[in-house]
Amino acid sequence: MSKVEIIKRPVEQIGSDIKKSAWSASIESLALLIIGVLFVIWPEAMVRILAYIVGAFFIVKGGNQIISYYMEKGQNDFFNNKLLTGVVSVLIGIASLTIGEDIAHVFSVIIGILIIYESLVRINAATKLASAGIKAWQPILTLGLVMLVVGVVVTFLSHGATVLVGWMMILTGIVGLVGDIMFIKHLNVLIDKLTGTSKAHQTKEKYDDAEEAEIKED
């Protein structure tokens, strides 16, 4: 591997990670929007479906952890907690299937926490844009704060009201998508400023000149 490739690889990796995070956030916003629409249109049906999905997910996950524990038994047993986490996951799954529609109360808290997390992601993105001197950080920060307020309302004030949670998810999805599109629009400029790509190109040129000089001397 040449010296130039050693320098280029970390820079490219940073840019790739930022792009993946940006597109991942967009997909999450779109998913929230779609699920929110479904909860507004079919609230009762979606609660039942949610209970089944959550229950099945935790049972499958727990079963996989238990099987994995016995397959790995004897290997680092002291730090292997898969049996415990597997049993707990299965119990959560069974409880989800049992309580059925009452899961709406738990669901609103989970969605609220998820929205708060998504808002913090946008606020963090705004601070990165601000540090890079990109003016778009102000509207993105505003959108992030709006999402934060929505997340707090869903977590503490919705009391499992499925339709209200659905509308809040729709609002969050729209706000999130707008912020994500604005962030992605300035992504290349941000990556260039954060990674110092122009400096990397200058360094590359210097190494190219040095390598050419070495070849001529040989």
C-alpha atoms as a PDB file:
ATOM      1  CA  MET A   1       0.000   0.000   0.000  1.00  0.00           C
ATOM      2  CA  SER A   2       1.398   3.379  -1.034  1.00  0.00           C
ATOM      3  CA  LYS A   3       1.722   6.345   1.320  1.00  0.00           C
ATOM      4  CA  VAL A   4      -1.018   8.165  -0.581  1.00  0.00           C
ATOM      5  CA  GLU A   5      -3.500   5.308  -0.045  1.00  0.00           C
ATOM      6  CA  ILE A   6      -2.734   5.285   3.681  1.00  0.00           C
ATOM      7  CA  ILE A   7      -3.688   8.976   3.865  1.00  0.00           C
ATOM      8  CA  LYS A   8      -6.736   8.717   1.578  1.00  0.00           C
ATOM      9  CA  ARG A   9      -8.407   5.758   3.267  1.00  0.00           C
ATOM     10  CA  PRO A  10      -9.257   7.414   6.651  1.00  0.00           C
ATOM     11  CA  VAL A  11     -10.581  10.509   4.847  1.00  0.00           C
ATOM     12  CA  GLU A  12     -12.815   8.413   2.578  1.00  0.00           C
ATOM     13  CA  GLN A  13     -14.010   6.350   5.552  1.00  0.00           C
ATOM     14  CA  ILE A  14     -15.075   9.462   7.488  1.00  0.00           C
ATOM     15  CA  GLY A  15     -17.020  10.748   4.491  1.00  0.00           C
ATOM     16  CA  SER A  16     -18.653   7.359   3.963  1.00  0.00           C
ATOM     17  CA  ASP A  17     -19.703   7.146   7.635  1.00  0.00           C
ATOM     18  CA  ILE A  18     -21.293  10.617   7.539  1.00  0.00           C
ATOM     19  CA  LYS A  19     -23.214   9.772   4.351  1.00  0.00           C
ATOM     20  CA  LYS A  20     -24.474   6.491   5.803  1.00  0.00           C
ATOM     21  CA  SER A  21     -25.653   8.251   8.967  1.00  0.00           C
ATOM     22  CA  ALA A  22     -27.450  10.936   6.949  1.00  0.00           C
ATOM     23  CA  TRP A  23     -29.294   8.462   4.718  1.00  0.00           C
ATOM     24  CA  SER A  24     -30.077   6.221   7.701  1.00  0.00           C
ATOM     25  CA  ALA A  25     -31.685   9.194   9.485  1.00  0.00           C
ATOM     26  CA  SER A  26     -33.773   9.911   6.361  1.00  0.00           C
ATOM     27  CA  ILE A  27     -35.023   6.324   6.212  1.00  0.00           C
ATOM     28  CA  GLU A  28     -35.935   6.449   9.913  1.00  0.00           C
ATOM     29  CA  SER A  29     -37.897   9.688   9.374  1.00  0.00           C
ATOM     30  CA  LEU A  30     -39.764   8.144   6.444  1.00  0.00           C
ATOM     31  CA  ALA A  31     -40.540   5.026   8.499  1.00  0.00           C
ATOM     32  CA  LEU A  32     -41.937   7.171  11.340  1.00  0.00           C
ATOM     33  CA  LEU A  33     -44.085   9.073   8.835  1.00  0.00           C
ATOM     34  CA  ILE A  34     -45.521   5.902   7.263  1.00  0.00           C
ATOM     35  CA  ILE A  35     -46.185   4.183  10.603  1.00  0.00           C
ATOM     36  CA  GLY A  36     -47.791   7.387  11.898  1.00  0.00           C
ATOM     37  CA  VAL A  37     -50.180   7.466   8.923  1.00  0.00           C
ATOM     38  CA  LEU A  38     -51.126   3.825   9.555  1.00  0.00           C
ATOM     39  CA  PHE A  39     -51.820   4.560  13.225  1.00  0.00           C
ATOM     40  CA  VAL A  40     -54.071   7.492  12.319  1.00  0.00           C
ATOM     41  CA  ILE A  41     -56.035   5.470   9.725  1.00  0.00           C
ATOM     42  CA  TRP A  42     -56.280   2.131  11.599  1.00  0.00           C
ATOM     43  CA  PRO A  43     -55.470   2.829  15.286  1.00  0.00           C
ATOM     44  CA  GLU A  44     -57.035  -0.282  16.860  1.00  0.00           C
ATOM     45  CA  ALA A  45     -55.799  -2.688  14.195  1.00  0.00           C
ATOM     46  CA  MET A  46     -52.273  -1.224  14.320  1.00  0.00           C
ATOM     47  CA  VAL A  47     -52.109  -1.601  18.115  1.00  0.00           C
ATOM     48  CA  ARG A  48     -52.983  -5.290  17.833  1.00  0.00           C
ATOM     49  CA  ILE A  49     -50.503  -5.772  14.992  1.00  0.00           C
ATOM     50  CA  LEU A  50     -47.865  -3.932  16.999  1.00  0.00           C
ATOM     51  CA  ALA A  51     -48.432  -6.225  19.977  1.00  0.00           C
ATOM     52  CA  TYR A  52     -47.963  -9.294  17.764  1.00  0.00           C
ATOM     53  CA  ILE A  53     -44.879  -7.877  16.043  1.00  0.00           C
ATOM     54  CA  VAL A  54     -43.213  -6.846  19.309  1.00  0.00           C
ATOM     55  CA  GLY A  55     -44.086 -10.159  20.934  1.00  0.00           C
ATOM     56  CA  ALA A  56     -42.803 -12.225  18.019  1.00  0.00           C
ATOM     57  CA  PHE A  57     -39.626 -10.132  17.761  1.00  0.00           C
ATOM     58  CA  PHE A  58     -38.668 -10.574  21.414  1.00  0.00           C
ATOM     59  CA  ILE A  59     -39.531 -14.272  21.459  1.00  0.00           C
ATOM     60  CA  VAL A  60     -37.418 -14.948  18.361  1.00  0.00           C
ATOM     61  CA  LYS A  61     -34.592 -12.777  19.665  1.00  0.00           C
ATOM     62  CA  GLY A  62     -34.714 -14.443  23.081  1.00  0.00           C
ATOM     63  CA  GLY A  63     -34.829 -17.926  21.583  1.00  0.00           C
ATOM     64  CA  ASN A  64     -31.828 -17.115  19.426  1.00  0.00           C
ATOM     65  CA  GLN A  65     -29.900 -15.854  22.482  1.00  0.00           C
ATOM     66  CA  ILE A  66     -30.702 -19.021  24.462  1.00  0.00           C
ATOM     67  CA  ILE A  67     -29.636 -21.290  21.586  1.00  0.00           C
ATOM     68  CA  SER A  68     -26.490 -19.232  21.096  1.00  0.00           C
ATOM     69  CA  TYR A  69     -25.655 -19.542  24.813  1.00  0.00           C
ATOM     70  CA  TYR A  70     -25.722 -23.350  24.727  1.00  0.00           C
ATOM     71  CA  MET A  71     -23.787 -23.462  21.444  1.00  0.00           C
ATOM     72  CA  GLU A  72     -21.060 -21.269  22.969  1.00  0.00           C
ATOM     73  CA  LYS A  73     -21.133 -22.904  26.421  1.00  0.00           C
ATOM     74  CA  GLY A  74     -17.634 -23.283  27.817  1.00  0.00           C
ATOM     75  CA  GLN A  75     -16.328 -20.258  25.903  1.00  0.00           C
ATOM     76  CA  ASN A  76     -15.964 -17.197  28.142  1.00  0.00           C
ATOM     77  CA  ASP A  77     -18.834 -18.344  30.390  1.00  0.00           C
ATOM     78  CA  PHE A  78     -17.992 -15.691  32.956  1.00  0.00           C
ATOM     79  CA  PHE A  79     -18.967 -12.896  30.553  1.00  0.00           C
ATOM     80  CA  ASN A  80     -21.678 -14.821  28.679  1.00  0.00           C
ATOM     81  CA  ASN A  81     -25.061 -13.387  29.688  1.00  0.00           C
ATOM     82  CA  LYS A  82     -26.964 -14.641  26.662  1.00  0.00           C
ATOM     83  CA  LEU A  83     -29.022 -17.157  28.656  1.00  0.00           C
ATOM     84  CA  LEU A  84     -30.256 -14.440  31.025  1.00  0.00           C
ATOM     85  CA  THR A  85     -30.971 -11.896  28.275  1.00  0.00           C
ATOM     86  CA  GLY A  86     -32.619 -14.614  26.194  1.00  0.00           C
ATOM     87  CA  VAL A  87     -35.003 -15.652  28.968  1.00  0.00           C
ATOM     88  CA  VAL A  88     -35.865 -12.002  29.715  1.00  0.00           C
ATOM     89  CA  SER A  89     -36.524 -11.335  26.001  1.00  0.00           C
ATOM     90  CA  VAL A  90     -38.835 -14.352  25.743  1.00  0.00           C
ATOM     91  CA  LEU A  91     -40.760 -13.223  28.836  1.00  0.00           C
ATOM     92  CA  ILE A  92     -41.129  -9.713  27.357  1.00  0.00           C
ATOM     93  CA  GLY A  93     -42.407 -11.256  24.130  1.00  0.00           C
ATOM     94  CA  ILE A  94     -44.967 -13.398  25.964  1.00  0.00           C
ATOM     95  CA  ALA A  95     -46.073 -10.383  28.021  1.00  0.00           C
ATOM     96  CA  SER A  96     -46.507  -8.347  24.831  1.00  0.00           C
ATOM     97  CA  LEU A  97     -48.745 -11.019  23.312  1.00  0.00           C
ATOM     98  CA  THR A  98     -50.694 -11.299  26.577  1.00  0.00           C
ATOM     99  CA  ILE A  99     -51.378  -7.633  27.295  1.00  0.00           C
ATOM    100  CA  GLY A 100     -52.402  -7.019  23.671  1.00  0.00           C
ATOM    101  CA  GLU A 101     -54.008  -3.602  23.241  1.00  0.00           C
ATOM    102  CA  ASP A 102     -52.624  -2.319  26.551  1.00  0.00           C
ATOM    103  CA  ILE A 103     -49.245  -2.159  24.825  1.00  0.00           C
ATOM    104  CA  ALA A 104     -50.354   1.221  23.435  1.00  0.00           C
ATOM    105  CA  HIS A 105     -49.291   2.864  26.713  1.00  0.00           C
ATOM    106  CA  VAL A 106     -45.832   1.316  26.512  1.00  0.00           C
ATOM    107  CA  PHE A 107     -45.665   2.012  22.791  1.00  0.00           C
ATOM    108  CA  SER A 108     -46.199   5.757  23.248  1.00  0.00           C
ATOM    109  CA  VAL A 109     -43.272   5.910  25.675  1.00  0.00           C
ATOM    110  CA  ILE A 110     -41.008   3.925  23.317  1.00  0.00           C
ATOM    111  CA  ILE A 111     -41.951   6.110  20.329  1.00  0.00           C
ATOM    112  CA  GLY A 112     -41.468   9.255  22.432  1.00  0.00           C
ATOM    113  CA  ILE A 113     -37.963   8.179  23.437  1.00  0.00           C
ATOM    114  CA  LEU A 114     -37.212   7.301  19.798  1.00  0.00           C
ATOM    115  CA  ILE A 115     -38.359  10.766  18.673  1.00  0.00           C
ATOM    116  CA  ILE A 116     -36.200  12.397  21.363  1.00  0.00           C
ATOM    117  CA  TYR A 117     -33.219  10.368  20.118  1.00  0.00           C
ATOM    118  CA  GLU A 118     -33.927  11.407  16.513  1.00  0.00           C
ATOM    119  CA  SER A 119     -34.135  15.057  17.604  1.00  0.00           C
ATOM    120  CA  LEU A 120     -30.732  14.826  19.292  1.00  0.00           C
ATOM    121  CA  VAL A 121     -29.281  13.368  16.075  1.00  0.00           C
ATOM    122  CA  ARG A 122     -30.548  16.444  14.159  1.00  0.00           C
ATOM    123  CA  ILE A 123     -29.287  18.847  16.828  1.00  0.00           C
ATOM    124  CA  ASN A 124     -25.881  17.168  16.631  1.00  0.00           C
ATOM    125  CA  ALA A 125     -25.953  17.499  12.830  1.00  0.00           C
ATOM    126  CA  ALA A 126     -26.724  21.207  13.219  1.00  0.00           C
ATOM    127  CA  THR A 127     -23.706  21.699  15.489  1.00  0.00           C
ATOM    128  CA  LYS A 128     -21.479  19.995  12.893  1.00  0.00           C
ATOM    129  CA  LEU A 129     -22.788  22.288  10.168  1.00  0.00           C
ATOM    130  CA  ALA A 130     -22.244  25.296  12.447  1.00  0.00           C
ATOM    131  CA  SER A 131     -18.648  24.239  13.155  1.00  0.00           C
ATOM    132  CA  ALA A 132     -18.084  23.975   9.394  1.00  0.00           C
ATOM    133  CA  GLY A 133     -19.505  27.478   8.875  1.00  0.00           C
ATOM    134  CA  ILE A 134     -22.532  26.290   6.868  1.00  0.00           C
ATOM    135  CA  LYS A 135     -25.552  28.588   7.389  1.00  0.00           C
ATOM    136  CA  ALA A 136     -28.096  25.762   7.068  1.00  0.00           C
ATOM    137  CA  TRP A 137     -27.367  24.792  10.692  1.00  0.00           C
ATOM    138  CA  GLN A 138     -29.937  27.295  12.005  1.00  0.00           C
ATOM    139  CA  PRO A 139     -33.104  25.821  10.397  1.00  0.00           C
ATOM    140  CA  ILE A 140     -31.869  22.281  11.076  1.00  0.00           C
ATOM    141  CA  LEU A 141     -31.346  23.166  14.747  1.00  0.00           C
ATOM    142  CA  THR A 142     -34.862  24.646  14.866  1.00  0.00           C
ATOM    143  CA  LEU A 143     -36.340  21.480  13.340  1.00  0.00           C
ATOM    144  CA  GLY A 144     -34.370  19.382  15.828  1.00  0.00           C
ATOM    145  CA  LEU A 145     -35.765  21.375  18.744  1.00  0.00           C
ATOM    146  CA  VAL A 146     -39.310  20.977  17.358  1.00  0.00           C
ATOM    147  CA  MET A 147     -38.764  17.209  17.244  1.00  0.00           C
ATOM    148  CA  LEU A 148     -37.457  17.312  20.813  1.00  0.00           C
ATOM    149  CA  VAL A 149     -40.647  19.026  22.027  1.00  0.00           C
ATOM    150  CA  VAL A 150     -42.788  16.493  20.130  1.00  0.00           C
ATOM    151  CA  GLY A 151     -40.815  13.632  21.686  1.00  0.00           C
ATOM    152  CA  VAL A 152     -41.365  14.978  25.200  1.00  0.00           C
ATOM    153  CA  VAL A 153     -45.112  15.392  24.533  1.00  0.00           C
ATOM    154  CA  VAL A 154     -45.449  11.826  23.199  1.00  0.00           C
ATOM    155  CA  THR A 155     -43.416  10.361  26.078  1.00  0.00           C
ATOM    156  CA  PHE A 156     -45.069  12.139  28.983  1.00  0.00           C
ATOM    157  CA  LEU A 157     -48.398  13.608  27.832  1.00  0.00           C
ATOM    158  CA  SER A 158     -49.950  11.301  25.220  1.00  0.00           C
ATOM    159  CA  HIS A 159     -51.018   8.621  27.786  1.00  0.00           C
ATOM    160  CA  GLY A 160     -51.219   5.951  25.108  1.00  0.00           C
ATOM    161  CA  ALA A 161     -53.611   7.912  22.852  1.00  0.00           C
ATOM    162  CA  THR A 162     -52.866   6.018  19.647  1.00  0.00           C
ATOM    163  CA  VAL A 163     -54.251   8.571  17.174  1.00  0.00           C
ATOM    164  CA  LEU A 164     -52.404  11.423  18.897  1.00  0.00           C
ATOM    165  CA  VAL A 165     -49.172   9.416  18.825  1.00  0.00           C
ATOM    166  CA  GLY A 166     -49.823   8.726  15.137  1.00  0.00           C
ATOM    167  CA  TRP A 167     -50.198  12.432  14.327  1.00  0.00           C
ATOM    168  CA  MET A 168     -47.065  13.213  16.340  1.00  0.00           C
ATOM    169  CA  MET A 169     -45.174  10.564  14.356  1.00  0.00           C
ATOM    170  CA  ILE A 170     -46.387  12.107  11.094  1.00  0.00           C
ATOM    171  CA  LEU A 171     -45.224  15.545  12.264  1.00  0.00           C
ATOM    172  CA  THR A 172     -41.879  14.116  13.356  1.00  0.00           C
ATOM    173  CA  GLY A 173     -41.428  12.278  10.065  1.00  0.00           C
ATOM    174  CA  ILE A 174     -42.118  15.407   7.986  1.00  0.00           C
ATOM    175  CA  VAL A 175     -39.896  17.639  10.142  1.00  0.00           C
ATOM    176  CA  GLY A 176     -37.168  14.995  10.141  1.00  0.00           C
ATOM    177  CA  LEU A 177     -37.254  14.551   6.357  1.00  0.00           C
ATOM    178  CA  VAL A 178     -37.060  18.316   5.763  1.00  0.00           C
ATOM    179  CA  GLY A 179     -34.044  18.573   8.073  1.00  0.00           C
ATOM    180  CA  ASP A 180     -32.403  15.489   6.533  1.00  0.00           C
ATOM    181  CA  ILE A 181     -32.810  16.833   2.981  1.00  0.00           C
ATOM    182  CA  MET A 182     -31.244  20.136   4.034  1.00  0.00           C
ATOM    183  CA  PHE A 183     -28.370  18.286   5.717  1.00  0.00           C
ATOM    184  CA  ILE A 184     -27.748  15.987   2.732  1.00  0.00           C
ATOM    185  CA  LYS A 185     -27.804  19.007   0.399  1.00  0.00           C
ATOM    186  CA  HIS A 186     -24.752  20.420   2.227  1.00  0.00           C
ATOM    187  CA  LEU A 187     -23.138  17.036   2.884  1.00  0.00           C
ATOM    188  CA  ASN A 188     -20.264  17.267   0.414  1.00  0.00           C
ATOM    189  CA  VAL A 189     -19.250  20.712   1.683  1.00  0.00           C
ATOM    190  CA  LEU A 190     -19.411  19.451   5.272  1.00  0.00           C
ATOM    191  CA  ILE A 191     -17.286  16.369   4.514  1.00  0.00           C
ATOM    192  CA  ASP A 192     -14.741  18.507   2.703  1.00  0.00           C
ATOM    193  CA  LYS A 193     -14.409  20.887   5.668  1.00  0.00           C
ATOM    194  CA  LEU A 194     -14.428  18.231   8.397  1.00  0.00           C
ATOM    195  CA  THR A 195     -11.955  15.893   6.711  1.00  0.00           C
ATOM    196  CA  GLY A 196      -9.740  18.525   5.107  1.00  0.00           C
ATOM    197  CA  THR A 197     -10.044  16.846   1.719  1.00  0.00           C
ATOM    198  CA  SER A 198      -8.295  19.696  -0.054  1.00  0.00           C
ATOM    199  CA  LYS A 199      -5.300  19.275   2.266  1.00  0.00           C
ATOM    200  CA  ALA A 200      -5.303  15.554   1.534  1.00  0.00           C
ATOM    201  CA  HIS A 201      -5.132  16.324  -2.191  1.00  0.00           C
ATOM    202  CA  GLN A 202      -2.213  18.662  -1.601  1.00  0.00           C
ATOM    203  CA  THR A 203      -0.425  15.987   0.433  1.00  0.00           C
ATOM    204  CA  LYS A 204      -1.155  13.445  -2.298  1.00  0.00           C
ATOM    205  CA  GLU A 205       0.410  15.711  -4.908  1.00  0.00           C
ATOM    206  CA  LYS A 206       3.518  16.153  -2.753  1.00  0.00           C
ATOM    207  CA  TYR A 207       3.907  12.382  -2.356  1.00  0.00           C
ATOM    208  CA  ASP A 208       3.339  11.886  -6.087  1.00  0.00           C
ATOM    209  CA  ASP A 209       6.095  14.381  -6.836  1.00  0.00           C
ATOM    210  CA  ALA A 210       8.379  12.682  -4.307  1.00  0.00           C
ATOM    211  CA  GLU A 211       7.724   9.230  -5.780  1.00  0.00           C
ATOM    212  CA  GLU A 212       8.390  10.532  -9.305  1.00  0.00           C
ATOM    213  CA  ALA A 213      11.653  12.070  -8.109  1.00  0.00           C
ATOM    214  CA  GLU A 214      12.707   8.769  -6.503  1.00  0.00           C
ATOM    215  CA  ILE A 215      11.926   6.893  -9.732  1.00  0.00           C
ATOM    216  CA  LYS A 216      14.015   9.348 -11.782  1.00  0.00           C
ATOM    217  CA  GLU A 217      16.942   9.016  -9.367  1.00  0.00           C
ATOM    218  CA  ASP A 218      16.825   5.217  -9.678  1.00  0.00           C
END
